[in-house]
Amino acid sequence: MGELIGYARCSTVLQDLTAQTEILIGLGVPEDRIYLDKGLTGTNRERPGLDQALAAVRAGDTFVVPKLDRLARSVPDARDIGDALVTRGIRLSLGGSIYDPADPMSKMFFNMLAVFAEFEADLLKMRTREGMAIARARGKLKGRQPKLTARQQAELVRMHATGDYTIAELMEVFSIGRATVYRVLDRAVGAASSPGPEGQ
């Protein structure tokens, strides 16, 4: 039997990969055979960790991901990766369920998962933008301001953490400059990495 190779991804450096890593280990993947991408969205196909993981698997191995949306967030991308693995004789495990393209039911289920993952990402993006538009209309996010309120800063960090917004889009939504966006994000990273009262 071949090896188990795992892959996990999160969209921003503020997110934690511990939970995904633990799932992979629980599925039998050795810790030193888990490849990671941090700070890269699912829609970004340039993912070094994924490329390394795909290069590491051989015919007879099983490529394991916690959920399909960690591997891809668009239907074409999911199909391309899934089909490429199968062509190479590699099994794809989605949270422990093996994707078998030779089985019509398995193939249908895989395609449905890909559609739902893409839909969920699009829906989240749409809802967040609608929420920001409503807030702007109510005057909660007015024009260009010298600095953001604590609530606005938290919302900017949250939106960035979804991986669905570029820096330019955040600049437009909050009517601030690029430097201000980076300043807020850097401050959030610093706060997240600083030790709490117990660690001091």
Protein backbone atom coordinates (compact mmCIF):
# COMPACT_ATOMS: atom_id res chain seq x y z
CA MET A 1 0.00 0.00 0.00
CA GLY A 2 1.22 3.48 -0.85
CA GLU A 3 1.87 6.43 1.43
CA LEU A 4 -0.57 9.02 2.74
CA ILE A 5 0.32 12.59 1.75
CA GLY A 6 -1.63 15.42 3.38
CA TYR A 7 -2.34 19.02 2.42
CA ALA A 8 -3.86 21.88 4.41
CA ARG A 9 -4.38 25.55 3.58
CA CYS A 10 -5.65 28.73 5.19
CA SER A 11 -6.30 32.05 3.47
CA THR A 12 -4.35 34.42 5.71
CA VAL A 13 -1.40 34.44 8.08
CA LEU A 14 -3.84 35.28 10.89
CA GLN A 15 -5.57 31.90 10.60
CA ASP A 16 -4.37 28.71 12.27
CA LEU A 17 -3.68 25.39 10.55
CA THR A 18 -3.66 23.34 13.76
CA ALA A 19 -7.22 22.00 13.40
CA GLN A 20 -6.67 20.89 9.79
CA THR A 21 -3.32 19.33 10.66
CA GLU A 22 -4.90 17.37 13.51
CA ILE A 23 -7.61 16.08 11.17
CA LEU A 24 -4.96 14.85 8.73
CA ILE A 25 -2.97 13.17 11.49
CA GLY A 26 -6.19 11.56 12.71
CA LEU A 27 -6.70 10.15 9.21
CA GLY A 28 -3.29 8.49 9.41
CA VAL A 29 -1.10 11.02 7.60
CA PRO A 30 2.40 11.24 9.16
CA GLU A 31 3.13 14.75 10.42
CA ASP A 32 6.26 15.00 8.26
CA ARG A 33 4.18 14.19 5.17
CA ILE A 34 1.79 17.12 5.57
CA TYR A 35 2.30 20.11 3.28
CA LEU A 36 0.95 23.54 4.16
CA ASP A 37 0.02 26.83 2.51
CA LYS A 38 -0.62 29.81 4.75
CA GLY A 39 -1.86 33.18 3.57
CA LEU A 40 -3.02 31.94 0.16
CA THR A 41 -6.62 31.82 -1.01
CA GLY A 42 -8.19 28.79 -2.65
CA THR A 43 -8.70 30.79 -5.83
CA ASN A 44 -4.95 31.40 -6.07
CA ARG A 45 -3.60 28.45 -8.08
CA GLU A 46 0.01 29.47 -7.29
CA ARG A 47 0.32 27.57 -3.99
CA PRO A 48 3.86 26.33 -3.22
CA GLY A 49 2.72 23.88 -0.53
CA LEU A 50 0.17 22.31 -2.87
CA ASP A 51 2.73 22.06 -5.66
CA GLN A 52 5.17 20.33 -3.27
CA ALA A 53 2.46 17.93 -2.07
CA LEU A 54 1.42 17.03 -5.62
CA ALA A 55 5.07 16.47 -6.51
CA ALA A 56 5.52 14.20 -3.47
CA VAL A 57 2.70 11.76 -4.25
CA ARG A 58 3.40 8.72 -6.39
CA ALA A 59 1.24 6.09 -8.06
CA GLY A 60 -0.45 4.03 -5.37
CA ASP A 61 -0.32 6.85 -2.79
CA THR A 62 -3.34 8.62 -1.34
CA PHE A 63 -3.57 12.41 -1.35
CA VAL A 64 -5.51 13.52 1.73
CA VAL A 65 -7.22 16.88 2.36
CA PRO A 66 -9.55 17.73 5.27
CA LYS A 67 -12.21 19.24 2.96
CA LEU A 68 -12.50 19.89 -0.74
CA ASP A 69 -12.58 23.69 -0.22
CA ARG A 70 -9.03 23.47 1.21
CA LEU A 71 -7.87 22.02 -2.10
CA ALA A 72 -9.85 24.21 -4.50
CA ARG A 73 -12.62 26.78 -4.44
CA SER A 74 -13.76 26.55 -8.03
CA VAL A 75 -15.31 23.64 -9.88
CA PRO A 76 -12.82 23.64 -12.81
CA ASP A 77 -9.83 23.74 -10.46
CA ALA A 78 -11.20 20.88 -8.34
CA ARG A 79 -11.85 18.76 -11.42
CA ASP A 80 -8.41 19.49 -12.88
CA ILE A 81 -6.62 18.46 -9.67
CA GLY A 82 -8.86 15.43 -9.10
CA ASP A 83 -8.52 14.19 -12.69
CA ALA A 84 -4.74 14.77 -12.69
CA LEU A 85 -4.35 12.67 -9.52
CA VAL A 86 -6.47 9.85 -10.89
CA THR A 87 -4.54 9.85 -14.17
CA ARG A 88 -1.34 9.39 -12.16
CA GLY A 89 -2.83 6.47 -10.23
CA ILE A 90 -3.22 8.45 -7.00
CA ARG A 91 -6.28 8.23 -4.79
CA LEU A 92 -7.89 11.41 -3.45
CA SER A 93 -9.26 11.33 0.09
CA LEU A 94 -11.65 14.10 1.15
CA GLY A 95 -11.77 13.94 4.93
CA GLY A 96 -11.47 10.16 4.78
CA SER A 97 -13.88 9.57 1.87
CA ILE A 98 -12.11 8.28 -1.25
CA TYR A 99 -12.96 9.93 -4.56
CA ASP A 100 -13.31 7.28 -7.24
CA PRO A 101 -13.94 8.77 -10.73
CA ALA A 102 -14.78 5.28 -12.04
CA ASP A 103 -17.82 5.25 -9.76
CA PRO A 104 -20.62 7.50 -11.15
CA MET A 105 -22.00 8.21 -7.66
CA SER A 106 -18.56 9.15 -6.34
CA LYS A 107 -17.92 11.39 -9.32
CA MET A 108 -21.31 13.09 -8.93
CA PHE A 109 -20.69 13.65 -5.21
CA PHE A 110 -17.26 15.14 -5.92
CA ASN A 111 -18.73 17.54 -8.48
CA MET A 112 -21.49 18.53 -6.05
CA LEU A 113 -18.93 19.26 -3.32
CA ALA A 114 -16.97 21.45 -5.74
CA VAL A 115 -20.10 23.37 -6.72
CA PHE A 116 -21.09 23.93 -3.10
CA ALA A 117 -17.57 25.05 -2.14
CA GLU A 118 -17.56 27.61 -4.95
CA PHE A 119 -21.10 28.75 -4.15
CA GLU A 120 -20.29 29.15 -0.44
CA ALA A 121 -17.23 31.28 -1.21
CA ASP A 122 -19.20 33.48 -3.62
CA LEU A 123 -22.09 33.82 -1.16
CA LEU A 124 -19.80 34.88 1.68
CA LYS A 125 -18.16 37.47 -0.54
CA MET A 126 -21.52 38.82 -1.71
CA ARG A 127 -23.00 39.01 1.80
CA THR A 128 -19.98 40.82 3.18
CA ARG A 129 -20.02 43.37 0.38
CA GLU A 130 -23.77 43.91 0.80
CA GLY A 131 -23.26 44.42 4.51
CA MET A 132 -20.56 47.00 3.89
CA ALA A 133 -22.77 48.80 1.32
CA ILE A 134 -25.61 48.99 3.86
CA ALA A 135 -23.25 50.28 6.53
CA ARG A 136 -21.93 52.90 4.13
CA ALA A 137 -25.49 53.96 3.18
CA ARG A 138 -26.35 54.38 6.87
CA GLY A 139 -23.37 56.60 7.34
CA LYS A 140 -21.36 54.19 9.43
CA LEU A 141 -18.53 54.18 6.89
CA LYS A 142 -18.32 57.76 5.70
CA GLY A 143 -15.83 59.12 3.22
CA ARG A 144 -12.10 59.31 3.74
CA GLN A 145 -11.25 59.46 7.42
CA PRO A 146 -7.88 60.01 9.10
CA LYS A 147 -8.24 56.66 10.85
CA LEU A 148 -10.70 53.79 11.29
CA THR A 149 -12.71 53.09 14.42
CA ALA A 150 -11.89 49.93 16.37
CA ARG A 151 -14.96 48.25 14.90
CA GLN A 152 -14.00 49.18 11.35
CA GLN A 153 -10.48 47.90 11.92
CA ALA A 154 -11.85 44.59 13.21
CA GLU A 155 -14.12 44.32 10.18
CA LEU A 156 -11.23 45.05 7.80
CA VAL A 157 -9.12 42.33 9.45
CA ARG A 158 -12.06 39.88 9.28
CA MET A 159 -12.69 40.61 5.60
CA HIS A 160 -9.00 40.19 4.79
CA ALA A 161 -8.96 36.90 6.71
CA THR A 162 -11.62 35.44 4.39
CA GLY A 163 -9.11 35.63 1.54
CA ASP A 164 -11.81 36.99 -0.75
CA TYR A 165 -10.69 40.63 -0.82
CA THR A 166 -7.63 42.23 -2.35
CA ILE A 167 -5.86 45.16 -0.70
CA ALA A 168 -7.28 47.41 -3.42
CA GLU A 169 -10.82 46.26 -2.65
CA LEU A 170 -10.33 46.92 1.07
CA MET A 171 -9.02 50.39 0.22
CA GLU A 172 -12.17 51.07 -1.79
CA VAL A 173 -14.62 49.67 0.78
CA PHE A 174 -13.15 51.64 3.68
CA SER A 175 -12.07 54.69 1.66
CA ILE A 176 -8.53 54.54 2.99
CA GLY A 177 -5.06 54.41 1.53
CA ARG A 178 -2.92 51.33 1.02
CA ALA A 179 -0.60 52.27 3.89
CA THR A 180 -3.54 52.42 6.31
CA VAL A 181 -4.74 48.96 5.26
CA TYR A 182 -1.31 47.45 5.86
CA ARG A 183 -0.96 49.33 9.15
CA VAL A 184 -4.23 47.84 10.45
CA LEU A 185 -3.28 44.32 9.30
CA ASP A 186 0.24 44.58 10.75
CA ARG A 187 -1.22 45.74 14.07
CA ALA A 188 -3.59 42.74 14.08
CA VAL A 189 -0.73 40.32 13.38
CA GLY A 190 1.29 41.87 16.19
CA ALA A 191 -1.64 41.57 18.60
CA ALA A 192 -2.22 37.95 17.62
CA SER A 193 1.44 37.00 18.12
CA SER A 194 2.03 38.89 21.37
CA PRO A 195 1.91 36.77 24.57
CA GLY A 196 -1.11 37.13 26.82
CA PRO A 197 -0.99 37.75 30.57
CA GLU A 198 -0.08 34.11 31.23
CA GLY A 199 2.81 34.20 28.78
CA GLN A 200 4.33 37.35 30.27
